[in-house]
Amino acid sequence: MDPTFGDVMARHCTLTCKRCDDIEIKEEYGADCFDITPDCRSHLELCNHSKYRQLMKESCAKSCKLCQPACKDRHKK
């Protein structure tokens, strides 16, 4: 990726540039982002623990802020 425009392209053409995994979560989460487990707030320290991250993503996505906004290109062209 071009070093001059790489960051801009990744931010505005996320899907085209195949940078969906790099999205920084800043958007509000929709109805598809929720916690399955009722006690997620008491286990927040596990959200970024490598051993438990996948479990927390599946069970406590909203509390852990692990919901991904839909990967899309934000620029129209």
Protein backbone atom coordinates (compact mmCIF):
# COMPACT_ATOMS: atom_id res chain seq x y z
CA MET A 1 0.00 0.00 0.00
CA ASP A 2 1.23 3.47 -0.84
CA PRO A 3 2.77 5.02 2.31
CA THR A 4 1.40 8.46 1.43
CA PHE A 5 -2.24 7.44 1.06
CA GLY A 6 -2.26 4.08 2.85
CA ASP A 7 -3.97 5.25 6.03
CA VAL A 8 -6.55 7.28 4.14
CA MET A 9 -7.35 4.39 1.81
CA ALA A 10 -7.59 1.91 4.68
CA ARG A 11 -9.99 4.22 6.55
CA HIS A 12 -12.24 5.10 3.61
CA CYS A 13 -11.96 1.95 1.47
CA THR A 14 -11.79 -0.64 4.23
CA LEU A 15 -13.51 -3.42 2.29
CA THR A 16 -11.64 -2.86 -0.98
CA CYS A 17 -8.28 -2.66 0.82
CA LYS A 18 -9.08 -5.83 2.80
CA ARG A 19 -8.55 -4.00 6.10
CA CYS A 20 -11.77 -5.09 7.85
CA ASP A 21 -9.83 -6.58 10.75
CA ASP A 22 -8.15 -3.21 11.33
CA ILE A 23 -11.38 -1.27 11.89
CA GLU A 24 -11.19 0.79 15.05
CA ILE A 25 -14.53 0.47 16.74
CA LYS A 26 -15.97 3.99 17.07
CA GLU A 27 -19.53 3.52 15.87
CA GLU A 28 -22.55 2.78 18.01
CA TYR A 29 -23.47 -0.86 17.93
CA GLY A 30 -26.69 -2.03 16.38
CA ALA A 31 -29.21 -4.58 17.59
CA ASP A 32 -26.91 -7.40 16.48
CA CYS A 33 -24.41 -6.47 19.20
CA PHE A 34 -25.42 -7.88 22.56
CA ASP A 35 -24.24 -9.85 25.58
CA ILE A 36 -25.43 -13.43 25.95
CA THR A 37 -24.24 -13.80 29.52
CA PRO A 38 -25.87 -11.58 32.18
CA ASP A 39 -22.72 -11.09 34.30
CA CYS A 40 -20.40 -9.75 31.58
CA ARG A 41 -19.73 -6.47 33.40
CA SER A 42 -18.12 -8.36 36.28
CA HIS A 43 -15.62 -10.07 33.95
CA LEU A 44 -14.39 -7.14 31.84
CA GLU A 45 -10.76 -7.89 32.70
CA LEU A 46 -11.04 -11.01 30.50
CA CYS A 47 -12.08 -9.10 27.36
CA ASN A 48 -8.52 -8.67 26.09
CA HIS A 49 -6.94 -11.69 27.75
CA SER A 50 -5.59 -13.89 24.95
CA LYS A 51 -6.91 -17.09 26.54
CA TYR A 52 -10.48 -15.79 26.91
CA ARG A 53 -10.88 -13.23 24.12
CA GLN A 54 -12.81 -15.52 21.75
CA LEU A 55 -15.14 -16.69 24.53
CA MET A 56 -15.72 -13.10 25.63
CA LYS A 57 -16.36 -12.03 22.03
CA GLU A 58 -19.03 -14.71 21.72
CA SER A 59 -20.59 -14.21 25.17
CA CYS A 60 -19.99 -10.57 26.09
CA ALA A 61 -19.42 -8.74 22.81
CA LYS A 62 -21.23 -5.54 23.77
CA SER A 63 -19.69 -5.14 27.23
CA CYS A 64 -16.23 -5.91 25.87
CA LYS A 65 -16.76 -3.58 22.90
CA LEU A 66 -15.82 -6.41 20.56
CA CYS A 67 -18.64 -5.89 18.06
CA GLN A 68 -17.40 -5.00 14.61
CA PRO A 69 -19.29 -2.49 12.55
CA ALA A 70 -20.06 -3.85 9.12
CA CYS A 71 -17.01 -3.74 6.93
CA LYS A 72 -17.73 -1.35 4.10
CA ASP A 73 -16.12 1.26 1.93
CA ARG A 74 -17.07 4.68 3.24
CA HIS A 75 -16.11 6.56 0.07
CA LYS A 76 -18.62 6.42 -2.78
CA LYS A 77 -16.10 5.76 -5.56
